[in-house]
Amino acid sequence: MKGVPLRCVVDTNVITTANANDGDVPASCVLASAAALQAVMAKGHVFLDDGFRILQEYIANANARGEPGPGDAFLKWLLTHEWDAARVTHVPITEVEGDATSFVELPAPRDGTG
């Protein structure tokens, strides 16, 4: 699939969209999200924070048994390969003091929210 960065952090919205959890999402978005996850699982490398915040968010939004959707399959794949350095890297991130949802290493959203 063109345009999928194979060294990436996967946004939780890609997982939930691939699972078609929101009935208002067009089928083309569901298919594109599923294809992106498949590409990452086939040839990609995922980055997770060393505090497991990202993984906890994935677990809260997908089924770790890998069924029934593509987002669930991605979570199962990630849990299976989490400690394979060729497929997953854990990186430190630093919370902005007083804001547990903002991190020094990540830029603030352009619209000034959150």
PDB file of N, CA and C in Angstrom:
ATOM      1  N   MET A   1       0.837  -1.175   0.000  1.00  0.00           N
ATOM      2  CA  MET A   1       0.000   0.000   0.000  1.00  0.00           C
ATOM      3  C   MET A   1       0.879   1.235   0.000  1.00  0.00           C
ATOM      4  N   LYS A   2       0.626   2.147  -0.903  1.00  0.00           N
ATOM      5  CA  LYS A   2       1.398   3.383  -0.997  1.00  0.00           C
ATOM      6  C   LYS A   2       1.029   4.327   0.127  1.00  0.00           C
ATOM      7  N   GLY A   3       2.016   5.083   0.591  1.00  0.00           N
ATOM      8  CA  GLY A   3       1.746   6.127   1.555  1.00  0.00           C
ATOM      9  C   GLY A   3       1.694   5.704   3.007  1.00  0.00           C
ATOM     10  N   VAL A   4       1.871   4.437   3.300  1.00  0.00           N
ATOM     11  CA  VAL A   4       1.846   3.983   4.689  1.00  0.00           C
ATOM     12  C   VAL A   4       3.273   3.997   5.216  1.00  0.00           C
ATOM     13  N   PRO A   5       3.555   4.862   6.221  1.00  0.00           N
ATOM     14  CA  PRO A   5       4.902   4.829   6.795  1.00  0.00           C
ATOM     15  C   PRO A   5       5.066   3.537   7.584  1.00  0.00           C
ATOM     16  N   LEU A   6       6.015   2.745   7.218  1.00  0.00           N
ATOM     17  CA  LEU A   6       6.166   1.445   7.852  1.00  0.00           C
ATOM     18  C   LEU A   6       6.931   1.514   9.169  1.00  0.00           C
ATOM     19  N   ARG A   7       7.517   2.659   9.490  1.00  0.00           N
ATOM     20  CA  ARG A   7       8.113   2.908  10.811  1.00  0.00           C
ATOM     21  C   ARG A   7       7.227   3.965  11.441  1.00  0.00           C
ATOM     22  N   CYS A   8       6.397   3.552  12.405  1.00  0.00           N
ATOM     23  CA  CYS A   8       5.351   4.474  12.833  1.00  0.00           C
ATOM     24  C   CYS A   8       4.812   4.180  14.226  1.00  0.00           C
ATOM     25  N   VAL A   9       4.047   5.139  14.716  1.00  0.00           N
ATOM     26  CA  VAL A   9       3.129   4.957  15.828  1.00  0.00           C
ATOM     27  C   VAL A   9       1.763   4.887  15.166  1.00  0.00           C
ATOM     28  N   VAL A  10       0.985   3.890  15.510  1.00  0.00           N
ATOM     29  CA  VAL A  10      -0.345   3.740  14.916  1.00  0.00           C
ATOM     30  C   VAL A  10      -1.354   4.462  15.797  1.00  0.00           C
ATOM     31  N   ASP A  11      -2.072   5.397  15.206  1.00  0.00           N
ATOM     32  CA  ASP A  11      -3.109   6.112  15.940  1.00  0.00           C
ATOM     33  C   ASP A  11      -4.244   5.151  16.268  1.00  0.00           C
ATOM     34  N   THR A  12      -4.778   5.265  17.453  1.00  0.00           N
ATOM     35  CA  THR A  12      -5.879   4.401  17.880  1.00  0.00           C
ATOM     36  C   THR A  12      -7.073   4.497  16.934  1.00  0.00           C
ATOM     37  N   ASN A  13      -7.273   5.656  16.324  1.00  0.00           N
ATOM     38  CA  ASN A  13      -8.380   5.810  15.380  1.00  0.00           C
ATOM     39  C   ASN A  13      -8.253   4.877  14.177  1.00  0.00           C
ATOM     40  N   VAL A  14      -7.033   4.547  13.786  1.00  0.00           N
ATOM     41  CA  VAL A  14      -6.843   3.603  12.676  1.00  0.00           C
ATOM     42  C   VAL A  14      -7.339   2.222  13.096  1.00  0.00           C
ATOM     43  N   ILE A  15      -7.046   1.837  14.318  1.00  0.00           N
ATOM     44  CA  ILE A  15      -7.473   0.533  14.840  1.00  0.00           C
ATOM     45  C   ILE A  15      -8.996   0.460  14.924  1.00  0.00           C
ATOM     46  N   THR A  16      -9.605   1.488  15.503  1.00  0.00           N
ATOM     47  CA  THR A  16     -11.061   1.451  15.659  1.00  0.00           C
ATOM     48  C   THR A  16     -11.772   1.590  14.316  1.00  0.00           C
ATOM     49  N   THR A  17     -11.204   2.369  13.403  1.00  0.00           N
ATOM     50  CA  THR A  17     -11.808   2.494  12.074  1.00  0.00           C
ATOM     51  C   THR A  17     -11.714   1.175  11.318  1.00  0.00           C
ATOM     52  N   ALA A  18     -10.576   0.499  11.390  1.00  0.00           N
ATOM     53  CA  ALA A  18     -10.429  -0.803  10.726  1.00  0.00           C
ATOM     54  C   ALA A  18     -11.447  -1.808  11.249  1.00  0.00           C
ATOM     55  N   ASN A  19     -11.787  -1.676  12.519  1.00  0.00           N
ATOM     56  CA  ASN A  19     -12.782  -2.571  13.123  1.00  0.00           C
ATOM     57  C   ASN A  19     -14.217  -2.136  12.825  1.00  0.00           C
ATOM     58  N   ALA A  20     -14.370  -1.014  12.133  1.00  0.00           N
ATOM     59  CA  ALA A  20     -15.695  -0.476  11.794  1.00  0.00           C
ATOM     60  C   ALA A  20     -16.535  -0.258  13.043  1.00  0.00           C
ATOM     61  N   ASN A  21     -15.892   0.251  14.105  1.00  0.00           N
ATOM     62  CA  ASN A  21     -16.601   0.491  15.368  1.00  0.00           C
ATOM     63  C   ASN A  21     -17.548   1.676  15.298  1.00  0.00           C
ATOM     64  N   ASP A  22     -17.337   2.557  14.327  1.00  0.00           N
ATOM     65  CA  ASP A  22     -18.202   3.728  14.177  1.00  0.00           C
ATOM     66  C   ASP A  22     -18.981   3.573  12.880  1.00  0.00           C
ATOM     67  N   GLY A  23     -20.275   3.388  12.966  1.00  0.00           N
ATOM     68  CA  GLY A  23     -21.107   3.160  11.794  1.00  0.00           C
ATOM     69  C   GLY A  23     -21.131   4.310  10.814  1.00  0.00           C
ATOM     70  N   ASP A  24     -20.633   5.491  11.213  1.00  0.00           N
ATOM     71  CA  ASP A  24     -20.645   6.649  10.330  1.00  0.00           C
ATOM     72  C   ASP A  24     -19.407   6.742   9.443  1.00  0.00           C
ATOM     73  N   VAL A  25     -18.486   5.809   9.566  1.00  0.00           N
ATOM     74  CA  VAL A  25     -17.257   5.849   8.778  1.00  0.00           C
ATOM     75  C   VAL A  25     -17.502   5.173   7.428  1.00  0.00           C
ATOM     76  N   PRO A  26     -17.119   5.850   6.337  1.00  0.00           N
ATOM     77  CA  PRO A  26     -17.304   5.240   5.011  1.00  0.00           C
ATOM     78  C   PRO A  26     -16.511   3.940   4.869  1.00  0.00           C
ATOM     79  N   ALA A  27     -17.043   3.021   4.082  1.00  0.00           N
ATOM     80  CA  ALA A  27     -16.382   1.730   3.855  1.00  0.00           C
ATOM     81  C   ALA A  27     -14.971   1.917   3.318  1.00  0.00           C
ATOM     82  N   SER A  28     -14.748   2.954   2.520  1.00  0.00           N
ATOM     83  CA  SER A  28     -13.406   3.188   1.970  1.00  0.00           C
ATOM     84  C   SER A  28     -12.398   3.476   3.080  1.00  0.00           C
ATOM     85  N   CYS A  29     -12.828   4.163   4.143  1.00  0.00           N
ATOM     86  CA  CYS A  29     -11.941   4.441   5.278  1.00  0.00           C
ATOM     87  C   CYS A  29     -11.659   3.170   6.075  1.00  0.00           C
ATOM     88  N   VAL A  30     -12.676   2.337   6.241  1.00  0.00           N
ATOM     89  CA  VAL A  30     -12.505   1.062   6.935  1.00  0.00           C
ATOM     90  C   VAL A  30     -11.484   0.210   6.184  1.00  0.00           C
ATOM     91  N   LEU A  31     -11.648   0.118   4.863  1.00  0.00           N
ATOM     92  CA  LEU A  31     -10.730  -0.688   4.053  1.00  0.00           C
ATOM     93  C   LEU A  31      -9.316  -0.117   4.056  1.00  0.00           C
ATOM     94  N   ALA A  32      -9.186   1.201   3.971  1.00  0.00           N
ATOM     95  CA  ALA A  32      -7.862   1.827   3.981  1.00  0.00           C
ATOM     96  C   ALA A  32      -7.166   1.618   5.320  1.00  0.00           C
ATOM     97  N   SER A  33      -7.904   1.719   6.409  1.00  0.00           N
ATOM     98  CA  SER A  33      -7.321   1.503   7.740  1.00  0.00           C
ATOM     99  C   SER A  33      -6.876   0.050   7.901  1.00  0.00           C
ATOM    100  N   ALA A  34      -7.711  -0.874   7.459  1.00  0.00           N
ATOM    101  CA  ALA A  34      -7.354  -2.295   7.543  1.00  0.00           C
ATOM    102  C   ALA A  34      -6.115  -2.596   6.701  1.00  0.00           C
ATOM    103  N   ALA A  35      -6.038  -2.003   5.509  1.00  0.00           N
ATOM    104  CA  ALA A  35      -4.878  -2.225   4.644  1.00  0.00           C
ATOM    105  C   ALA A  35      -3.610  -1.634   5.258  1.00  0.00           C
ATOM    106  N   ALA A  36      -3.730  -0.463   5.880  1.00  0.00           N
ATOM    107  CA  ALA A  36      -2.564   0.149   6.524  1.00  0.00           C
ATOM    108  C   ALA A  36      -2.045  -0.730   7.657  1.00  0.00           C
ATOM    109  N   LEU A  37      -2.945  -1.255   8.471  1.00  0.00           N
ATOM    110  CA  LEU A  37      -2.525  -2.149   9.566  1.00  0.00           C
ATOM    111  C   LEU A  37      -1.877  -3.419   9.016  1.00  0.00           C
ATOM    112  N   GLN A  38      -2.443  -3.954   7.950  1.00  0.00           N
ATOM    113  CA  GLN A  38      -1.867  -5.160   7.335  1.00  0.00           C
ATOM    114  C   GLN A  38      -0.450  -4.880   6.838  1.00  0.00           C
ATOM    115  N   ALA A  39      -0.247  -3.716   6.227  1.00  0.00           N
ATOM    116  CA  ALA A  39       1.084  -3.356   5.741  1.00  0.00           C
ATOM    117  C   ALA A  39       2.083  -3.242   6.884  1.00  0.00           C
ATOM    118  N   VAL A  40       1.656  -2.626   7.979  1.00  0.00           N
ATOM    119  CA  VAL A  40       2.544  -2.500   9.137  1.00  0.00           C
ATOM    120  C   VAL A  40       2.876  -3.889   9.696  1.00  0.00           C
ATOM    121  N   MET A  41       1.874  -4.753   9.795  1.00  0.00           N
ATOM    122  CA  MET A  41       2.135  -6.105  10.322  1.00  0.00           C
ATOM    123  C   MET A  41       3.044  -6.902   9.389  1.00  0.00           C
ATOM    124  N   ALA A  42       2.913  -6.711   8.094  1.00  0.00           N
ATOM    125  CA  ALA A  42       3.710  -7.479   7.132  1.00  0.00           C
ATOM    126  C   ALA A  42       5.154  -7.012   7.061  1.00  0.00           C
ATOM    127  N   LYS A  43       5.368  -5.683   7.086  1.00  0.00           N
ATOM    128  CA  LYS A  43       6.718  -5.169   6.827  1.00  0.00           C
ATOM    129  C   LYS A  43       7.125  -4.020   7.731  1.00  0.00           C
ATOM    130  N   GLY A  44       6.296  -3.683   8.708  1.00  0.00           N
ATOM    131  CA  GLY A  44       6.525  -2.462   9.462  1.00  0.00           C
ATOM    132  C   GLY A  44       7.274  -2.611  10.764  1.00  0.00           C
ATOM    133  N   HIS A  45       7.463  -1.464  11.387  1.00  0.00           N
ATOM    134  CA  HIS A  45       8.121  -1.353  12.690  1.00  0.00           C
ATOM    135  C   HIS A  45       7.326  -0.334  13.497  1.00  0.00           C
ATOM    136  N   VAL A  46       6.868  -0.726  14.664  1.00  0.00           N
ATOM    137  CA  VAL A  46       5.997   0.111  15.489  1.00  0.00           C
ATOM    138  C   VAL A  46       6.777   0.654  16.681  1.00  0.00           C
ATOM    139  N   PHE A  47       6.494   1.909  17.019  1.00  0.00           N
ATOM    140  CA  PHE A  47       7.086   2.535  18.188  1.00  0.00           C
ATOM    141  C   PHE A  47       6.030   2.652  19.279  1.00  0.00           C
ATOM    142  N   LEU A  48       6.392   2.236  20.476  1.00  0.00           N
ATOM    143  CA  LEU A  48       5.536   2.336  21.657  1.00  0.00           C
ATOM    144  C   LEU A  48       6.292   3.106  22.732  1.00  0.00           C
ATOM    145  N   ASP A  49       5.564   3.803  23.586  1.00  0.00           N
ATOM    146  CA  ASP A  49       6.229   4.490  24.687  1.00  0.00           C
ATOM    147  C   ASP A  49       6.587   3.475  25.774  1.00  0.00           C
ATOM    148  N   ASP A  50       7.666   3.758  26.497  1.00  0.00           N
ATOM    149  CA  ASP A  50       8.136   2.823  27.517  1.00  0.00           C
ATOM    150  C   ASP A  50       7.277   2.834  28.779  1.00  0.00           C
ATOM    151  N   GLY A  51       6.305   3.737  28.847  1.00  0.00           N
ATOM    152  CA  GLY A  51       5.364   3.755  29.971  1.00  0.00           C
ATOM    153  C   GLY A  51       4.081   2.993  29.652  1.00  0.00           C
ATOM    154  N   PHE A  52       4.006   2.429  28.474  1.00  0.00           N
ATOM    155  CA  PHE A  52       2.891   1.590  28.013  1.00  0.00           C
ATOM    156  C   PHE A  52       1.572   2.333  27.876  1.00  0.00           C
ATOM    157  N   ARG A  53       1.608   3.655  27.750  1.00  0.00           N
ATOM    158  CA  ARG A  53       0.374   4.427  27.573  1.00  0.00           C
ATOM    159  C   ARG A  53      -0.310   4.076  26.251  1.00  0.00           C
ATOM    160  N   ILE A  54       0.486   4.013  25.183  1.00  0.00           N
ATOM    161  CA  ILE A  54      -0.070   3.710  23.859  1.00  0.00           C
ATOM    162  C   ILE A  54      -0.678   2.319  23.867  1.00  0.00           C
ATOM    163  N   LEU A  55       0.037   1.349  24.369  1.00  0.00           N
ATOM    164  CA  LEU A  55      -0.465  -0.027  24.400  1.00  0.00           C
ATOM    165  C   LEU A  55      -1.736  -0.121  25.231  1.00  0.00           C
ATOM    166  N   GLN A  56      -1.793   0.567  26.350  1.00  0.00           N
ATOM    167  CA  GLN A  56      -3.002   0.562  27.173  1.00  0.00           C
ATOM    168  C   GLN A  56      -4.191   1.149  26.416  1.00  0.00           C
ATOM    169  N   GLU A  57      -3.941   2.179  25.629  1.00  0.00           N
ATOM    170  CA  GLU A  57      -5.022   2.759  24.826  1.00  0.00           C
ATOM    171  C   GLU A  57      -5.494   1.769  23.764  1.00  0.00           C
ATOM    172  N   TYR A  58      -4.561   1.083  23.122  1.00  0.00           N
ATOM    173  CA  TYR A  58      -4.945   0.058  22.142  1.00  0.00           C
ATOM    174  C   TYR A  58      -5.803  -1.018  22.809  1.00  0.00           C
ATOM    175  N   ILE A  59      -5.363  -1.485  23.964  1.00  0.00           N
ATOM    176  CA  ILE A  59      -6.081  -2.558  24.675  1.00  0.00           C
ATOM    177  C   ILE A  59      -7.489  -2.103  25.062  1.00  0.00           C
ATOM    178  N   ALA A  60      -7.623  -0.825  25.410  1.00  0.00           N
ATOM    179  CA  ALA A  60      -8.944  -0.299  25.780  1.00  0.00           C
ATOM    180  C   ALA A  60      -9.887  -0.193  24.587  1.00  0.00           C
ATOM    181  N   ASN A  61      -9.336  -0.229  23.361  1.00  0.00           N
ATOM    182  CA  ASN A  61     -10.145   0.003  22.171  1.00  0.00           C
ATOM    183  C   ASN A  61     -10.191  -1.157  21.192  1.00  0.00           C
ATOM    184  N   ALA A  62      -9.538  -2.267  21.531  1.00  0.00           N
ATOM    185  CA  ALA A  62      -9.529  -3.426  20.630  1.00  0.00           C
ATOM    186  C   ALA A  62      -9.484  -4.704  21.454  1.00  0.00           C
ATOM    187  N   ASN A  63      -9.753  -5.810  20.788  1.00  0.00           N
ATOM    188  CA  ASN A  63      -9.799  -7.113  21.431  1.00  0.00           C
ATOM    189  C   ASN A  63      -8.441  -7.808  21.276  1.00  0.00           C
ATOM    190  N   ALA A  64      -7.769  -8.053  22.387  1.00  0.00           N
ATOM    191  CA  ALA A  64      -6.435  -8.652  22.359  1.00  0.00           C
ATOM    192  C   ALA A  64      -6.435 -10.102  21.873  1.00  0.00           C
ATOM    193  N   ARG A  65      -7.606 -10.722  21.770  1.00  0.00           N
ATOM    194  CA  ARG A  65      -7.668 -12.088  21.230  1.00  0.00           C
ATOM    195  C   ARG A  65      -7.537 -12.109  19.710  1.00  0.00           C
ATOM    196  N   GLY A  66      -7.585 -10.913  19.098  1.00  0.00           N
ATOM    197  CA  GLY A  66      -7.373 -10.831  17.661  1.00  0.00           C
ATOM    198  C   GLY A  66      -8.624 -10.960  16.821  1.00  0.00           C
ATOM    199  N   GLU A  67      -9.773 -10.977  17.441  1.00  0.00           N
ATOM    200  CA  GLU A  67     -11.022 -11.128  16.690  1.00  0.00           C
ATOM    201  C   GLU A  67     -12.037 -10.123  17.206  1.00  0.00           C
ATOM    202  N   PRO A  68     -12.970  -9.679  16.416  1.00  0.00           N
ATOM    203  CA  PRO A  68     -13.273 -10.153  15.072  1.00  0.00           C
ATOM    204  C   PRO A  68     -12.692  -9.300  13.953  1.00  0.00           C
ATOM    205  N   GLY A  69     -12.103  -8.122  14.262  1.00  0.00           N
ATOM    206  CA  GLY A  69     -11.720  -7.210  13.185  1.00  0.00           C
ATOM    207  C   GLY A  69     -10.232  -7.062  12.957  1.00  0.00           C
ATOM    208  N   PRO A  70      -9.864  -6.340  11.884  1.00  0.00           N
ATOM    209  CA  PRO A  70      -8.460  -6.099  11.552  1.00  0.00           C
ATOM    210  C   PRO A  70      -7.707  -5.315  12.632  1.00  0.00           C
ATOM    211  N   GLY A  71      -8.395  -4.397  13.316  1.00  0.00           N
ATOM    212  CA  GLY A  71      -7.753  -3.673  14.413  1.00  0.00           C
ATOM    213  C   GLY A  71      -7.427  -4.592  15.570  1.00  0.00           C
ATOM    214  N   ASP A  72      -8.318  -5.545  15.820  1.00  0.00           N
ATOM    215  CA  ASP A  72      -8.081  -6.553  16.860  1.00  0.00           C
ATOM    216  C   ASP A  72      -6.900  -7.440  16.477  1.00  0.00           C
ATOM    217  N   ALA A  73      -6.829  -7.807  15.202  1.00  0.00           N
ATOM    218  CA  ALA A  73      -5.712  -8.635  14.720  1.00  0.00           C
ATOM    219  C   ALA A  73      -4.388  -7.892  14.885  1.00  0.00           C
ATOM    220  N   PHE A  74      -4.404  -6.569  14.638  1.00  0.00           N
ATOM    221  CA  PHE A  74      -3.191  -5.773  14.828  1.00  0.00           C
ATOM    222  C   PHE A  74      -2.756  -5.780  16.287  1.00  0.00           C
ATOM    223  N   LEU A  75      -3.702  -5.612  17.205  1.00  0.00           N
ATOM    224  CA  LEU A  75      -3.356  -5.627  18.627  1.00  0.00           C
ATOM    225  C   LEU A  75      -2.753  -6.966  19.013  1.00  0.00           C
ATOM    226  N   LYS A  76      -3.343  -8.048  18.569  1.00  0.00           N
ATOM    227  CA  LYS A  76      -2.791  -9.372  18.878  1.00  0.00           C
ATOM    228  C   LYS A  76      -1.379  -9.502  18.303  1.00  0.00           C
ATOM    229  N   TRP A  77      -1.188  -9.046  17.059  1.00  0.00           N
ATOM    230  CA  TRP A  77       0.137  -9.087  16.429  1.00  0.00           C
ATOM    231  C   TRP A  77       1.135  -8.294  17.264  1.00  0.00           C
ATOM    232  N   LEU A  78       0.720  -7.089  17.692  1.00  0.00           N
ATOM    233  CA  LEU A  78       1.614  -6.234  18.462  1.00  0.00           C
ATOM    234  C   LEU A  78       1.991  -6.886  19.787  1.00  0.00           C
ATOM    235  N   LEU A  79       1.034  -7.471  20.469  1.00  0.00           N
ATOM    236  CA  LEU A  79       1.328  -8.149  21.734  1.00  0.00           C
ATOM    237  C   LEU A  79       2.251  -9.343  21.527  1.00  0.00           C
ATOM    238  N   THR A  80       2.113 -10.009  20.407  1.00  0.00           N
ATOM    239  CA  THR A  80       2.974 -11.152  20.083  1.00  0.00           C
ATOM    240  C   THR A  80       4.403 -10.707  19.780  1.00  0.00           C
ATOM    241  N   HIS A  81       4.553  -9.545  19.142  1.00  0.00           N
ATOM    242  CA  HIS A  81       5.871  -9.076  18.696  1.00  0.00           C
ATOM    243  C   HIS A  81       6.443  -7.939  19.546  1.00  0.00           C
ATOM    244  N   GLU A  82       5.784  -7.608  20.646  1.00  0.00           N
ATOM    245  CA  GLU A  82       6.156  -6.438  21.428  1.00  0.00           C
ATOM    246  C   GLU A  82       7.632  -6.387  21.818  1.00  0.00           C
ATOM    247  N   TRP A  83       8.237  -7.509  22.096  1.00  0.00           N
ATOM    248  CA  TRP A  83       9.631  -7.520  22.549  1.00  0.00           C
ATOM    249  C   TRP A  83      10.592  -7.970  21.461  1.00  0.00           C
ATOM    250  N   ASP A  84      10.136  -8.000  20.215  1.00  0.00           N
ATOM    251  CA  ASP A  84      10.989  -8.300  19.059  1.00  0.00           C
ATOM    252  C   ASP A  84      11.537  -6.970  18.551  1.00  0.00           C
ATOM    253  N   ALA A  85      12.798  -6.691  18.829  1.00  0.00           N
ATOM    254  CA  ALA A  85      13.395  -5.402  18.494  1.00  0.00           C
ATOM    255  C   ALA A  85      13.397  -5.118  16.991  1.00  0.00           C
ATOM    256  N   ALA A  86      13.257  -6.136  16.179  1.00  0.00           N
ATOM    257  CA  ALA A  86      13.186  -5.924  14.742  1.00  0.00           C
ATOM    258  C   ALA A  86      11.818  -5.379  14.319  1.00  0.00           C
ATOM    259  N   ARG A  87      10.818  -5.503  15.186  1.00  0.00           N
ATOM    260  CA  ARG A  87       9.448  -5.093  14.832  1.00  0.00           C
ATOM    261  C   ARG A  87       8.891  -3.974  15.701  1.00  0.00           C
ATOM    262  N   VAL A  88       9.394  -3.859  16.951  1.00  0.00           N
ATOM    263  CA  VAL A  88       8.839  -2.879  17.894  1.00  0.00           C
ATOM    264  C   VAL A  88       9.977  -2.233  18.685  1.00  0.00           C
ATOM    265  N   THR A  89       9.884  -0.927  18.850  1.00  0.00           N
ATOM    266  CA  THR A  89      10.841  -0.195  19.677  1.00  0.00           C
ATOM    267  C   THR A  89      10.072   0.551  20.757  1.00  0.00           C
ATOM    268  N   HIS A  90      10.534   0.419  22.003  1.00  0.00           N
ATOM    269  CA  HIS A  90       9.966   1.176  23.122  1.00  0.00           C
ATOM    270  C   HIS A  90      10.814   2.427  23.311  1.00  0.00           C
ATOM    271  N   VAL A  91      10.163   3.588  23.330  1.00  0.00           N
ATOM    272  CA  VAL A  91      10.891   4.844  23.461  1.00  0.00           C
ATOM    273  C   VAL A  91      10.388   5.614  24.676  1.00  0.00           C
ATOM    274  N   PRO A  92      11.293   6.337  25.335  1.00  0.00           N
ATOM    275  CA  PRO A  92      10.846   7.150  26.475  1.00  0.00           C
ATOM    276  C   PRO A  92      10.138   8.401  25.980  1.00  0.00           C
ATOM    277  N   ILE A  93       9.085   8.793  26.691  1.00  0.00           N
ATOM    278  CA  ILE A  93       8.444  10.085  26.460  1.00  0.00           C
ATOM    279  C   ILE A  93       8.263  10.755  27.812  1.00  0.00           C
ATOM    280  N   THR A  94       8.288  12.087  27.816  1.00  0.00           N
ATOM    281  CA  THR A  94       8.273  12.857  29.039  1.00  0.00           C
ATOM    282  C   THR A  94       6.989  13.677  29.127  1.00  0.00           C
ATOM    283  N   GLU A  95       6.202  13.457  30.173  1.00  0.00           N
ATOM    284  CA  GLU A  95       4.984  14.244  30.371  1.00  0.00           C
ATOM    285  C   GLU A  95       5.343  15.705  30.621  1.00  0.00           C
ATOM    286  N   VAL A  96       4.547  16.604  30.057  1.00  0.00           N
ATOM    287  CA  VAL A  96       4.659  18.018  30.382  1.00  0.00           C
ATOM    288  C   VAL A  96       4.152  18.164  31.811  1.00  0.00           C
ATOM    289  N   GLU A  97       4.919  18.846  32.639  1.00  0.00           N
ATOM    290  CA  GLU A  97       4.542  18.990  34.049  1.00  0.00           C
ATOM    291  C   GLU A  97       3.131  19.558  34.181  1.00  0.00           C
ATOM    292  N   GLY A  98       2.297  18.856  34.942  1.00  0.00           N
ATOM    293  CA  GLY A  98       0.934  19.299  35.176  1.00  0.00           C
ATOM    294  C   GLY A  98      -0.065  18.907  34.097  1.00  0.00           C
ATOM    295  N   ASP A  99       0.384  18.177  33.080  1.00  0.00           N
ATOM    296  CA  ASP A  99      -0.518  17.769  31.996  1.00  0.00           C
ATOM    297  C   ASP A  99      -0.163  16.357  31.550  1.00  0.00           C
ATOM    298  N   ALA A 100      -0.889  15.381  32.071  1.00  0.00           N
ATOM    299  CA  ALA A 100      -0.589  13.972  31.789  1.00  0.00           C
ATOM    300  C   ALA A 100      -0.925  13.558  30.365  1.00  0.00           C
ATOM    301  N   THR A 101      -1.500  14.453  29.568  1.00  0.00           N
ATOM    302  CA  THR A 101      -1.840  14.102  28.184  1.00  0.00           C
ATOM    303  C   THR A 101      -0.973  14.813  27.153  1.00  0.00           C
ATOM    304  N   SER A 102       0.005  15.599  27.598  1.00  0.00           N
ATOM    305  CA  SER A 102       0.928  16.287  26.692  1.00  0.00           C
ATOM    306  C   SER A 102       2.348  15.830  27.000  1.00  0.00           C
ATOM    307  N   PHE A 103       3.172  15.792  25.956  1.00  0.00           N
ATOM    308  CA  PHE A 103       4.516  15.259  26.109  1.00  0.00           C
ATOM    309  C   PHE A 103       5.535  16.191  25.469  1.00  0.00           C
ATOM    310  N   VAL A 104       6.679  16.336  26.125  1.00  0.00           N
ATOM    311  CA  VAL A 104       7.734  17.221  25.679  1.00  0.00           C
ATOM    312  C   VAL A 104       8.147  16.887  24.241  1.00  0.00           C
ATOM    313  N   GLU A 105       8.227  15.624  23.908  1.00  0.00           N
ATOM    314  CA  GLU A 105       8.722  15.191  22.604  1.00  0.00           C
ATOM    315  C   GLU A 105       7.732  15.400  21.462  1.00  0.00           C
ATOM    316  N   LEU A 106       6.485  15.706  21.799  1.00  0.00           N
ATOM    317  CA  LEU A 106       5.446  15.862  20.763  1.00  0.00           C
ATOM    318  C   LEU A 106       4.999  17.315  20.690  1.00  0.00           C
ATOM    319  N   PRO A 107       4.827  17.820  19.478  1.00  0.00           N
ATOM    320  CA  PRO A 107       4.373  19.222  19.355  1.00  0.00           C
ATOM    321  C   PRO A 107       2.915  19.351  19.794  1.00  0.00           C
ATOM    322  N   ALA A 108       2.562  20.553  20.208  1.00  0.00           N
ATOM    323  CA  ALA A 108       1.168  20.850  20.557  1.00  0.00           C
ATOM    324  C   ALA A 108       0.340  20.811  19.277  1.00  0.00           C
ATOM    325  N   PRO A 109      -0.930  20.431  19.390  1.00  0.00           N
ATOM    326  CA  PRO A 109      -1.790  20.454  18.198  1.00  0.00           C
ATOM    327  C   PRO A 109      -1.853  21.868  17.611  1.00  0.00           C
ATOM    328  N   ARG A 110      -1.991  21.945  16.308  1.00  0.00           N
ATOM    329  CA  ARG A 110      -1.989  23.232  15.623  1.00  0.00           C
ATOM    330  C   ARG A 110      -3.162  24.121  16.023  1.00  0.00           C
ATOM    331  N   ASP A 111      -4.277  23.506  16.383  1.00  0.00           N
ATOM    332  CA  ASP A 111      -5.448  24.314  16.732  1.00  0.00           C
ATOM    333  C   ASP A 111      -5.416  24.798  18.179  1.00  0.00           C
ATOM    334  N   GLY A 112      -4.354  24.457  18.911  1.00  0.00           N
ATOM    335  CA  GLY A 112      -4.181  24.923  20.273  1.00  0.00           C
ATOM    336  C   GLY A 112      -4.935  24.107  21.315  1.00  0.00           C
ATOM    337  N   THR A 113      -5.577  23.020  20.924  1.00  0.00           N
ATOM    338  CA  THR A 113      -6.298  22.180  21.898  1.00  0.00           C
ATOM    339  C   THR A 113      -5.402  21.065  22.366  1.00  0.00           C
ATOM    340  N   GLY A 114      -5.813  20.483  23.458  1.00  0.00           N
ATOM    341  CA  GLY A 114      -5.334  19.318  24.031  1.00  0.00           C
ATOM    342  C   GLY A 114      -4.082  18.754  24.085  1.00  0.00           C
TER     343      GLY A 114
END
